[in-house]
Amino acid sequence: MRPLVILPTYDERANLPPMVERLLGLPDLRVLVVDDGSPDGTGQVADALAAADARVSVLHRTGARGLGLAYIDGMKQALRTDATHIIQMDADQSFDTADVPRLLAESAHADLVIGARYVAGGRVENWQLHRRLLSRFANAYVRTITRLPIDDCTSGFRCWRREALARMPLDRIRSDGYAFLVEFAWEAVNAGCSVAQVPITFVERREGASKLSGGVILESVLLPWRLAARPRVRRARM
């Protein structure tokens, strides 16, 4: 097993070093930092981490920015390596790196494994009530409209088997922001990927500011209706 973690970054200078340090403490794991030209110098911090450890590489993006575009470019880069598993994680320390082996273990039984907050054993810590309610409502809204058989459609903690990710239509994905996570899950289900969910504890970011904006929310509201109108090919196996 040769796992690679993709960490998209934008102004995560304080969070990136401890996140990478913990990830590199896991066996046989490599890290790809995808930086969107962070004004706070996160890209330079990433370069220093890569210079200090060959298991870290950096992709500096230019042009259009955004979470979805960063992930797509990172996934294309990951598929050019010999990685057997590609893991998506936020760089803000919201996800526990100790959960990575659990997702990798579950990938023996599924093409896509999602670290889920809204399954038995999953939790959210340090979020204000309105954020909890918004997230819960967003997932119920997505599932109702798209009929996705996933409890946590908006989780950014995911593990892909290489073969499954290679089948995804990366150039067809149009969403950015957090809507990207929903669209990509929909594409996986539509492609017949088997999906599993592993309970995790999500903790509010320790440093920096959330990237949630009005534009991101609007995109997330409109996307499920666009997905519902797309032709369905086959359902995923859970």
Protein backbone atom coordinates (compact mmCIF):
# COMPACT_ATOMS: atom_id res chain seq x y z
CA MET A 1 0.00 0.00 0.00
CA ARG A 2 1.35 3.41 -1.05
CA PRO A 3 -1.06 6.10 0.21
CA LEU A 4 -0.79 9.76 -0.73
CA VAL A 5 -2.65 12.56 1.07
CA ILE A 6 -3.71 15.66 -0.86
CA LEU A 7 -3.79 18.81 1.28
CA PRO A 8 -5.30 21.84 -0.52
CA THR A 9 -4.14 25.07 1.13
CA TYR A 10 -5.05 28.72 1.09
CA ASP A 11 -3.71 30.78 4.00
CA GLU A 12 -2.91 27.78 6.21
CA ARG A 13 0.60 28.83 7.25
CA ALA A 14 0.06 28.02 10.94
CA ASN A 15 -1.81 24.76 10.38
CA LEU A 16 0.30 23.13 7.70
CA PRO A 17 3.52 22.20 9.59
CA PRO A 18 1.83 20.33 12.48
CA MET A 19 -0.56 18.66 10.04
CA VAL A 20 2.25 17.42 7.82
CA GLU A 21 4.33 16.33 10.82
CA ARG A 22 1.52 14.11 12.09
CA LEU A 23 0.84 12.66 8.65
CA LEU A 24 4.48 11.77 8.13
CA GLY A 25 4.36 9.87 11.41
CA LEU A 26 2.11 7.33 9.67
CA PRO A 27 3.79 4.44 7.84
CA ASP A 28 4.50 4.60 4.08
CA LEU A 29 2.54 7.82 3.59
CA ARG A 30 3.33 10.73 1.31
CA VAL A 31 1.85 14.23 1.22
CA LEU A 32 1.00 16.46 -1.73
CA VAL A 33 0.35 20.10 -0.77
CA VAL A 34 -1.69 21.99 -3.37
CA ASP A 35 -1.34 25.69 -2.67
CA ASP A 36 -3.52 28.34 -4.32
CA GLY A 37 -1.02 31.18 -4.10
CA SER A 38 -1.68 31.85 -0.42
CA PRO A 39 -0.98 35.50 0.46
CA ASP A 40 0.22 34.46 3.93
CA GLY A 41 3.18 32.48 2.54
CA THR A 42 1.77 28.98 2.98
CA GLY A 43 3.37 27.99 -0.33
CA GLN A 44 6.83 28.91 0.93
CA VAL A 45 6.21 26.96 4.14
CA ALA A 46 5.20 23.97 2.02
CA ASP A 47 8.37 24.28 -0.05
CA ALA A 48 10.46 24.24 3.13
CA LEU A 49 8.67 21.10 4.32
CA ALA A 50 9.32 19.45 0.96
CA ALA A 51 12.99 20.42 1.06
CA ALA A 52 13.29 18.81 4.49
CA ASP A 53 11.53 15.55 3.61
CA ALA A 54 11.29 13.84 0.23
CA ARG A 55 7.91 12.39 1.17
CA VAL A 56 6.39 15.88 0.77
CA SER A 57 5.75 17.47 -2.62
CA VAL A 58 4.13 20.78 -3.53
CA LEU A 59 1.94 21.86 -6.42
CA HIS A 60 1.72 25.65 -6.79
CA ARG A 61 -1.45 26.59 -8.63
CA THR A 62 -1.95 29.77 -10.63
CA GLY A 63 -5.02 31.17 -12.31
CA ALA A 64 -8.51 30.34 -11.07
CA ARG A 65 -8.58 29.41 -7.39
CA GLY A 66 -10.91 27.30 -5.31
CA LEU A 67 -11.19 24.05 -3.41
CA GLY A 68 -12.63 22.01 -6.27
CA LEU A 69 -10.03 23.13 -8.81
CA ALA A 70 -7.25 22.53 -6.31
CA TYR A 71 -8.44 18.99 -5.66
CA ILE A 72 -8.82 18.19 -9.34
CA ASP A 73 -5.27 19.38 -10.11
CA GLY A 74 -4.00 17.51 -7.06
CA MET A 75 -5.77 14.31 -8.10
CA LYS A 76 -4.34 14.49 -11.59
CA GLN A 77 -0.88 14.90 -10.08
CA ALA A 78 -1.48 12.02 -7.66
CA LEU A 79 -2.51 9.73 -10.52
CA ARG A 80 0.83 10.42 -12.19
CA THR A 81 2.57 8.82 -9.20
CA ASP A 82 2.55 5.19 -8.07
CA ALA A 83 0.10 5.93 -5.23
CA THR A 84 -2.32 3.06 -4.59
CA HIS A 85 -4.66 5.16 -2.42
CA ILE A 86 -5.40 8.89 -2.64
CA ILE A 87 -6.73 10.62 0.46
CA GLN A 88 -8.48 13.99 0.64
CA MET A 89 -8.06 16.01 3.84
CA ASP A 90 -8.42 19.62 4.91
CA ALA A 91 -5.18 21.22 6.03
CA ASP A 92 -6.79 23.09 8.94
CA GLN A 93 -6.41 20.24 11.47
CA SER A 94 -10.17 19.63 11.60
CA PHE A 95 -9.61 15.95 10.84
CA ASP A 96 -7.62 13.61 13.05
CA THR A 97 -4.66 12.13 11.16
CA ALA A 98 -4.95 9.07 13.43
CA ASP A 99 -8.13 8.20 11.47
CA VAL A 100 -6.22 7.80 8.20
CA PRO A 101 -5.31 4.13 8.88
CA ARG A 102 -8.96 3.39 9.63
CA LEU A 103 -10.05 4.75 6.25
CA LEU A 104 -7.24 2.87 4.51
CA ALA A 105 -8.25 -0.36 6.20
CA GLU A 106 -11.87 0.07 5.13
CA SER A 107 -10.73 0.69 1.54
CA ALA A 108 -10.12 -3.06 1.31
CA HIS A 109 -13.91 -3.31 1.01
CA ALA A 110 -14.85 -0.11 -0.87
CA ASP A 111 -13.71 2.09 -3.75
CA LEU A 112 -14.43 5.26 -1.79
CA VAL A 113 -14.31 5.56 1.99
CA ILE A 114 -15.75 8.69 3.61
CA GLY A 115 -14.83 9.88 7.09
CA ALA A 116 -18.35 10.65 8.25
CA ARG A 117 -19.65 12.87 11.03
CA TYR A 118 -23.29 11.89 10.73
CA VAL A 119 -23.18 8.14 11.25
CA ALA A 120 -23.23 6.16 14.50
CA GLY A 121 -20.05 7.02 16.40
CA GLY A 122 -19.37 10.22 14.42
CA ARG A 123 -19.18 13.59 16.17
CA VAL A 124 -18.63 17.32 15.69
CA GLU A 125 -16.78 19.33 18.33
CA ASN A 126 -16.47 23.09 18.96
CA TRP A 127 -19.03 24.14 16.37
CA GLN A 128 -21.64 26.68 17.34
CA LEU A 129 -25.24 25.50 17.15
CA HIS A 130 -26.01 27.37 13.93
CA ARG A 131 -23.08 25.69 12.16
CA ARG A 132 -24.25 22.26 13.33
CA LEU A 133 -27.79 22.92 12.16
CA LEU A 134 -26.61 24.32 8.82
CA SER A 135 -24.41 21.28 8.15
CA ARG A 136 -27.12 18.81 9.14
CA PHE A 137 -29.68 20.61 6.99
CA ALA A 138 -27.26 20.77 4.03
CA ASN A 139 -26.75 17.01 4.08
CA ALA A 140 -30.48 16.29 4.40
CA TYR A 141 -31.16 18.75 1.57
CA VAL A 142 -28.59 17.08 -0.71
CA ARG A 143 -29.81 13.56 0.02
CA THR A 144 -33.45 14.47 -0.52
CA ILE A 145 -32.87 16.04 -3.92
CA THR A 146 -30.13 13.79 -5.32
CA ARG A 147 -31.04 10.52 -3.54
CA LEU A 148 -27.38 10.01 -2.71
CA PRO A 149 -27.04 6.98 -0.38
CA ILE A 150 -24.45 8.79 1.77
CA ASP A 151 -25.03 10.21 5.26
CA ASP A 152 -22.23 12.79 5.13
CA CYS A 153 -22.16 14.11 1.56
CA THR A 154 -20.12 17.19 2.49
CA SER A 155 -17.28 15.55 4.39
CA GLY A 156 -13.87 16.52 3.03
CA PHE A 157 -12.13 13.47 4.50
CA ARG A 158 -12.10 10.72 1.87
CA CYS A 159 -9.96 7.82 0.74
CA TRP A 160 -10.03 6.60 -2.86
CA ARG A 161 -8.66 3.44 -4.31
CA ARG A 162 -6.51 4.50 -7.24
CA GLU A 163 -8.50 2.49 -9.79
CA ALA A 164 -11.75 4.16 -8.73
CA LEU A 165 -10.35 7.69 -8.82
CA ALA A 166 -8.88 7.04 -12.27
CA ARG A 167 -12.42 6.36 -13.52
CA MET A 168 -13.76 9.70 -12.33
CA PRO A 169 -14.50 12.37 -14.97
CA LEU A 170 -12.13 14.94 -13.51
CA ASP A 171 -12.42 17.31 -16.46
CA ARG A 172 -16.22 17.28 -16.27
CA ILE A 173 -16.47 18.49 -12.67
CA ARG A 174 -17.73 22.07 -12.66
CA SER A 175 -18.35 22.84 -9.00
CA ASP A 176 -15.97 24.61 -6.70
CA GLY A 177 -16.06 25.32 -3.00
CA TYR A 178 -17.79 22.73 -0.85
CA ALA A 179 -20.26 21.90 -3.63
CA PHE A 180 -17.36 20.08 -5.26
CA LEU A 181 -17.52 17.45 -2.53
CA VAL A 182 -21.18 16.77 -3.28
CA GLU A 183 -20.69 16.65 -7.05
CA PHE A 184 -17.73 14.31 -6.75
CA ALA A 185 -19.66 11.98 -4.45
CA TRP A 186 -22.52 11.98 -6.95
CA GLU A 187 -20.15 11.10 -9.79
CA ALA A 188 -18.70 8.24 -7.75
CA VAL A 189 -22.16 6.84 -7.05
CA ASN A 190 -23.17 7.30 -10.68
CA ALA A 191 -20.05 5.41 -11.80
CA GLY A 192 -20.99 2.46 -9.61
CA CYS A 193 -18.21 2.90 -7.05
CA SER A 194 -18.73 1.03 -3.80
CA VAL A 195 -18.93 3.49 -0.90
CA ALA A 196 -18.26 2.98 2.81
CA GLN A 197 -18.45 5.43 5.72
CA VAL A 198 -16.22 5.41 8.78
CA PRO A 199 -17.27 7.45 11.85
CA ILE A 200 -14.91 10.30 12.70
CA THR A 201 -14.76 13.26 15.07
CA PHE A 202 -14.60 16.61 13.31
CA VAL A 203 -13.09 19.49 15.30
CA GLU A 204 -13.42 23.16 14.36
CA ARG A 205 -10.22 24.60 12.88
CA ARG A 206 -7.56 25.61 15.38
CA GLU A 207 -5.97 28.43 13.39
CA GLY A 208 -7.08 30.76 10.60
CA ALA A 209 -10.50 31.61 9.21
CA SER A 210 -13.18 29.50 7.55
CA LYS A 211 -13.41 29.80 3.76
CA LEU A 212 -17.23 29.62 3.84
CA SER A 213 -18.76 32.53 1.92
CA GLY A 214 -22.07 33.61 0.44
CA GLY A 215 -20.98 32.48 -3.02
CA VAL A 216 -20.01 29.05 -1.68
CA ILE A 217 -23.38 28.66 0.03
CA LEU A 218 -25.30 29.72 -3.09
CA GLU A 219 -23.39 27.23 -5.25
CA SER A 220 -24.13 24.51 -2.71
CA VAL A 221 -27.86 25.34 -2.77
CA LEU A 222 -28.13 25.18 -6.58
CA LEU A 223 -25.90 22.18 -7.27
CA PRO A 224 -28.22 19.37 -6.04
CA TRP A 225 -30.90 20.44 -8.53
CA ARG A 226 -28.38 20.30 -11.38
CA LEU A 227 -27.27 16.85 -10.28
CA ALA A 228 -30.85 15.61 -10.02
CA ALA A 229 -31.35 16.56 -13.67
CA ARG A 230 -28.34 14.57 -14.89
CA PRO A 231 -28.84 11.10 -16.34
CA ARG A 232 -28.06 8.29 -13.93
CA VAL A 233 -25.94 5.39 -15.06
CA ARG A 234 -25.79 3.02 -12.12
CA ARG A 235 -26.03 3.12 -8.36
CA ALA A 236 -23.07 2.68 -6.06
CA ARG A 237 -22.69 -0.33 -3.80
CA MET A 238 -22.66 0.46 -0.08
